[in-house]
Amino acid sequence: MTTTPQTLNRKQRREKERLLKKSNKKTEMDEKLGLFEKIPEQCLTCFKPFDKTNKQMVTSWSVVVREDKGTVRLYCPTCWKKAQDFIAQSHKP
């Protein structure tokens, strides 16, 4: 099988697209890791301390990220539940 200019061009184009996609993923991951560094050390509402190394805390606490403003807010499960309940009550007719 011989390679024609068309197949060579296709290979180059696909390789270029693959490299571009890979570099975009790295940039996106760097942005997300940068926001991870901005996670506060306590709940925004009740100021309960947050331990990033505690797996149970990491999975149960809620993080709200505003990428457009670059802000990261952290809420403990109790405060998050209160906020959700308040929202649900305010939407009832």
N, C-alpha and C. Protein backbone atom coordinates (compact mmCIF):
# COMPACT_ATOMS: atom_id res chain seq x y z
N MET A 1 0.85 -1.17 0.00
CA MET A 1 0.00 0.00 0.00
C MET A 1 0.90 1.24 0.00
N THR A 2 0.61 2.13 -0.89
CA THR A 2 1.39 3.37 -0.98
C THR A 2 0.59 4.50 -0.36
N THR A 3 1.32 5.47 0.17
CA THR A 3 0.64 6.62 0.75
C THR A 3 0.54 7.72 -0.29
N THR A 4 -0.63 8.21 -0.42
CA THR A 4 -0.87 9.30 -1.35
C THR A 4 -0.82 10.62 -0.59
N PRO A 5 -0.69 11.71 -1.29
CA PRO A 5 -0.69 13.01 -0.61
C PRO A 5 -1.96 13.25 0.21
N GLN A 6 -3.08 12.70 -0.26
CA GLN A 6 -4.33 12.87 0.48
C GLN A 6 -4.28 12.19 1.84
N THR A 7 -3.81 10.92 1.87
CA THR A 7 -3.76 10.20 3.14
C THR A 7 -2.72 10.81 4.07
N LEU A 8 -1.62 11.29 3.53
CA LEU A 8 -0.61 11.95 4.34
C LEU A 8 -1.18 13.23 4.94
N ASN A 9 -1.90 13.98 4.13
CA ASN A 9 -2.52 15.21 4.61
C ASN A 9 -3.54 14.90 5.70
N ARG A 10 -4.31 13.84 5.52
CA ARG A 10 -5.31 13.44 6.50
C ARG A 10 -4.63 13.06 7.82
N LYS A 11 -3.53 12.32 7.74
CA LYS A 11 -2.81 11.93 8.94
C LYS A 11 -2.28 13.15 9.68
N GLN A 12 -1.72 14.08 8.94
CA GLN A 12 -1.19 15.30 9.56
C GLN A 12 -2.31 16.11 10.22
N ARG A 13 -3.43 16.23 9.54
CA ARG A 13 -4.55 16.99 10.07
C ARG A 13 -5.10 16.33 11.33
N ARG A 14 -5.24 15.01 11.31
CA ARG A 14 -5.74 14.31 12.49
C ARG A 14 -4.77 14.43 13.66
N GLU A 15 -3.48 14.34 13.38
CA GLU A 15 -2.49 14.49 14.44
C GLU A 15 -2.53 15.90 15.03
N LYS A 16 -2.68 16.89 14.18
CA LYS A 16 -2.79 18.27 14.64
C LYS A 16 -4.02 18.46 15.52
N GLU A 17 -5.16 17.91 15.10
CA GLU A 17 -6.40 18.00 15.89
C GLU A 17 -6.25 17.28 17.23
N ARG A 18 -5.59 16.14 17.22
CA ARG A 18 -5.38 15.38 18.46
C ARG A 18 -4.51 16.17 19.43
N LEU A 19 -3.44 16.76 18.94
CA LEU A 19 -2.56 17.56 19.80
C LEU A 19 -3.27 18.80 20.33
N LEU A 20 -4.09 19.43 19.50
CA LEU A 20 -4.84 20.61 19.93
C LEU A 20 -5.83 20.23 21.03
N LYS A 21 -6.54 19.12 20.85
CA LYS A 21 -7.51 18.66 21.86
C LYS A 21 -6.80 18.34 23.17
N LYS A 22 -5.63 17.70 23.07
CA LYS A 22 -4.86 17.34 24.25
C LYS A 22 -4.39 18.59 25.00
N SER A 23 -3.94 19.60 24.29
CA SER A 23 -3.48 20.82 24.95
C SER A 23 -4.65 21.58 25.59
N ASN A 24 -5.83 21.54 24.98
CA ASN A 24 -7.01 22.17 25.57
C ASN A 24 -7.41 21.48 26.86
N LYS A 25 -7.30 20.16 26.91
CA LYS A 25 -7.62 19.43 28.13
C LYS A 25 -6.68 19.81 29.26
N LYS A 26 -5.38 19.98 28.94
CA LYS A 26 -4.42 20.36 29.96
C LYS A 26 -4.73 21.75 30.49
N THR A 27 -5.09 22.68 29.61
CA THR A 27 -5.41 24.04 30.03
C THR A 27 -6.64 24.04 30.93
N GLU A 28 -7.65 23.28 30.56
CA GLU A 28 -8.88 23.19 31.36
C GLU A 28 -8.59 22.59 32.73
N MET A 29 -7.74 21.56 32.77
CA MET A 29 -7.38 20.94 34.03
C MET A 29 -6.59 21.91 34.91
N ASP A 30 -5.69 22.68 34.32
CA ASP A 30 -4.93 23.67 35.08
C ASP A 30 -5.84 24.72 35.70
N GLU A 31 -6.87 25.14 34.96
CA GLU A 31 -7.82 26.11 35.49
C GLU A 31 -8.58 25.53 36.68
N LYS A 32 -9.01 24.28 36.55
CA LYS A 32 -9.77 23.65 37.64
C LYS A 32 -8.88 23.44 38.87
N LEU A 33 -7.63 23.07 38.66
CA LEU A 33 -6.72 22.90 39.79
C LEU A 33 -6.43 24.25 40.45
N GLY A 34 -6.37 25.31 39.66
CA GLY A 34 -6.18 26.64 40.22
C GLY A 34 -7.35 27.03 41.10
N LEU A 35 -8.55 26.67 40.69
CA LEU A 35 -9.74 26.95 41.50
C LEU A 35 -9.75 26.08 42.75
N PHE A 36 -9.19 24.89 42.68
CA PHE A 36 -9.13 24.01 43.86
C PHE A 36 -8.31 24.67 44.96
N GLU A 37 -7.29 25.39 44.58
CA GLU A 37 -6.45 26.09 45.56
C GLU A 37 -7.23 27.21 46.26
N LYS A 38 -8.29 27.69 45.63
CA LYS A 38 -9.07 28.78 46.19
C LYS A 38 -10.17 28.32 47.15
N ILE A 39 -10.31 26.99 47.34
CA ILE A 39 -11.35 26.49 48.24
C ILE A 39 -11.07 27.01 49.64
N PRO A 40 -12.07 27.65 50.26
CA PRO A 40 -11.87 28.18 51.62
C PRO A 40 -11.62 27.07 52.64
N GLU A 41 -11.17 27.46 53.80
CA GLU A 41 -10.88 26.51 54.86
C GLU A 41 -12.04 26.36 55.85
N GLN A 42 -13.17 27.01 55.56
CA GLN A 42 -14.32 26.94 56.45
C GLN A 42 -15.60 27.20 55.68
N CYS A 43 -16.72 26.82 56.27
CA CYS A 43 -18.04 27.05 55.68
C CYS A 43 -18.28 28.55 55.59
N LEU A 44 -18.83 28.99 54.50
CA LEU A 44 -19.07 30.42 54.29
C LEU A 44 -20.12 30.96 55.26
N THR A 45 -21.05 30.13 55.69
CA THR A 45 -22.15 30.58 56.54
C THR A 45 -21.86 30.43 58.04
N CYS A 46 -21.50 29.23 58.47
CA CYS A 46 -21.34 28.98 59.91
C CYS A 46 -19.88 28.94 60.37
N PHE A 47 -18.96 29.04 59.44
CA PHE A 47 -17.52 29.07 59.71
C PHE A 47 -16.97 27.79 60.32
N LYS A 48 -17.68 26.67 60.11
CA LYS A 48 -17.18 25.37 60.56
C LYS A 48 -15.92 25.05 59.74
N PRO A 49 -14.83 24.59 60.38
CA PRO A 49 -13.59 24.33 59.64
C PRO A 49 -13.74 23.16 58.66
N PHE A 50 -13.02 23.26 57.55
CA PHE A 50 -13.04 22.25 56.49
C PHE A 50 -11.65 21.66 56.34
N ASP A 51 -11.57 20.33 56.33
CA ASP A 51 -10.30 19.63 56.18
C ASP A 51 -10.25 18.99 54.80
N LYS A 52 -9.38 19.48 53.93
CA LYS A 52 -9.28 18.96 52.57
C LYS A 52 -8.80 17.51 52.52
N THR A 53 -8.16 17.05 53.58
CA THR A 53 -7.64 15.68 53.59
C THR A 53 -8.64 14.67 54.12
N ASN A 54 -9.77 15.13 54.65
CA ASN A 54 -10.80 14.25 55.18
C ASN A 54 -11.74 13.85 54.05
N LYS A 55 -11.70 12.58 53.66
CA LYS A 55 -12.49 12.10 52.52
C LYS A 55 -13.99 12.29 52.74
N GLN A 56 -14.45 12.06 53.97
CA GLN A 56 -15.88 12.20 54.26
C GLN A 56 -16.31 13.66 54.07
N MET A 57 -15.49 14.61 54.51
CA MET A 57 -15.82 16.03 54.35
C MET A 57 -15.82 16.41 52.87
N VAL A 58 -14.82 15.93 52.16
CA VAL A 58 -14.70 16.29 50.74
C VAL A 58 -15.91 15.81 49.95
N THR A 59 -16.44 14.64 50.31
CA THR A 59 -17.57 14.11 49.55
C THR A 59 -18.92 14.67 50.00
N SER A 60 -19.01 15.18 51.23
CA SER A 60 -20.31 15.63 51.72
C SER A 60 -20.52 17.15 51.64
N TRP A 61 -19.48 17.93 51.65
CA TRP A 61 -19.61 19.38 51.60
C TRP A 61 -19.89 19.83 50.17
N SER A 62 -20.52 20.99 50.01
CA SER A 62 -20.88 21.51 48.69
C SER A 62 -19.99 22.70 48.32
N VAL A 63 -19.53 22.66 47.10
CA VAL A 63 -18.67 23.72 46.58
C VAL A 63 -19.41 24.40 45.44
N VAL A 64 -19.47 25.72 45.47
CA VAL A 64 -20.09 26.49 44.40
C VAL A 64 -19.00 27.31 43.74
N VAL A 65 -18.82 27.11 42.44
CA VAL A 65 -17.76 27.81 41.71
C VAL A 65 -18.39 28.76 40.71
N ARG A 66 -17.97 30.01 40.75
CA ARG A 66 -18.37 31.01 39.76
C ARG A 66 -17.14 31.29 38.91
N GLU A 67 -17.03 30.57 37.80
CA GLU A 67 -15.85 30.69 36.95
C GLU A 67 -15.71 32.09 36.37
N ASP A 68 -16.85 32.73 36.05
CA ASP A 68 -16.77 34.06 35.46
C ASP A 68 -16.17 35.08 36.43
N LYS A 69 -16.41 34.89 37.73
CA LYS A 69 -15.87 35.81 38.74
C LYS A 69 -14.66 35.22 39.45
N GLY A 70 -14.38 33.94 39.23
CA GLY A 70 -13.25 33.30 39.86
C GLY A 70 -13.41 33.10 41.35
N THR A 71 -14.65 32.92 41.80
CA THR A 71 -14.89 32.73 43.23
C THR A 71 -15.28 31.28 43.52
N VAL A 72 -14.87 30.82 44.68
CA VAL A 72 -15.20 29.48 45.13
C VAL A 72 -15.81 29.62 46.52
N ARG A 73 -17.00 29.07 46.69
CA ARG A 73 -17.70 29.13 47.98
C ARG A 73 -17.90 27.72 48.50
N LEU A 74 -17.80 27.57 49.81
CA LEU A 74 -17.87 26.26 50.43
C LEU A 74 -18.96 26.26 51.50
N TYR A 75 -19.79 25.20 51.50
CA TYR A 75 -20.89 25.10 52.45
C TYR A 75 -20.88 23.72 53.09
N CYS A 76 -21.08 23.69 54.42
CA CYS A 76 -21.19 22.41 55.12
C CYS A 76 -22.56 21.80 54.80
N PRO A 77 -22.74 20.51 55.03
CA PRO A 77 -24.03 19.86 54.71
C PRO A 77 -25.23 20.50 55.42
N THR A 78 -25.05 20.94 56.67
CA THR A 78 -26.15 21.54 57.42
C THR A 78 -26.61 22.84 56.77
N CYS A 79 -25.65 23.71 56.48
CA CYS A 79 -25.99 25.01 55.86
C CYS A 79 -26.55 24.82 54.45
N TRP A 80 -26.01 23.84 53.71
CA TRP A 80 -26.49 23.57 52.35
C TRP A 80 -27.94 23.09 52.39
N LYS A 81 -28.26 22.24 53.36
CA LYS A 81 -29.64 21.74 53.51
C LYS A 81 -30.59 22.88 53.85
N LYS A 82 -30.17 23.77 54.75
CA LYS A 82 -31.00 24.92 55.12
C LYS A 82 -31.27 25.80 53.89
N ALA A 83 -30.24 26.03 53.10
CA ALA A 83 -30.40 26.86 51.90
C ALA A 83 -31.34 26.21 50.90
N GLN A 84 -31.21 24.89 50.71
CA GLN A 84 -32.09 24.17 49.78
C GLN A 84 -33.53 24.21 50.27
N ASP A 85 -33.74 24.05 51.57
CA ASP A 85 -35.09 24.11 52.13
C ASP A 85 -35.69 25.50 51.96
N PHE A 86 -34.90 26.53 52.19
CA PHE A 86 -35.36 27.90 52.02
C PHE A 86 -35.77 28.18 50.57
N ILE A 87 -34.99 27.71 49.65
CA ILE A 87 -35.30 27.89 48.22
C ILE A 87 -36.59 27.16 47.88
N ALA A 88 -36.74 25.94 48.39
CA ALA A 88 -37.95 25.16 48.10
C ALA A 88 -39.19 25.85 48.66
N GLN A 89 -39.08 26.42 49.86
CA GLN A 89 -40.22 27.10 50.46
C GLN A 89 -40.56 28.40 49.71
N SER A 90 -39.55 29.09 49.26
CA SER A 90 -39.81 30.37 48.59
C SER A 90 -40.43 30.19 47.21
N HIS A 91 -40.32 29.00 46.62
CA HIS A 91 -40.91 28.75 45.30
C HIS A 91 -42.31 28.17 45.39
N LYS A 92 -42.79 27.88 46.59
CA LYS A 92 -44.15 27.36 46.73
C LYS A 92 -45.15 28.48 46.59
N PRO A 93 -46.29 28.23 45.91
CA PRO A 93 -47.30 29.29 45.75
C PRO A 93 -48.08 29.57 47.01
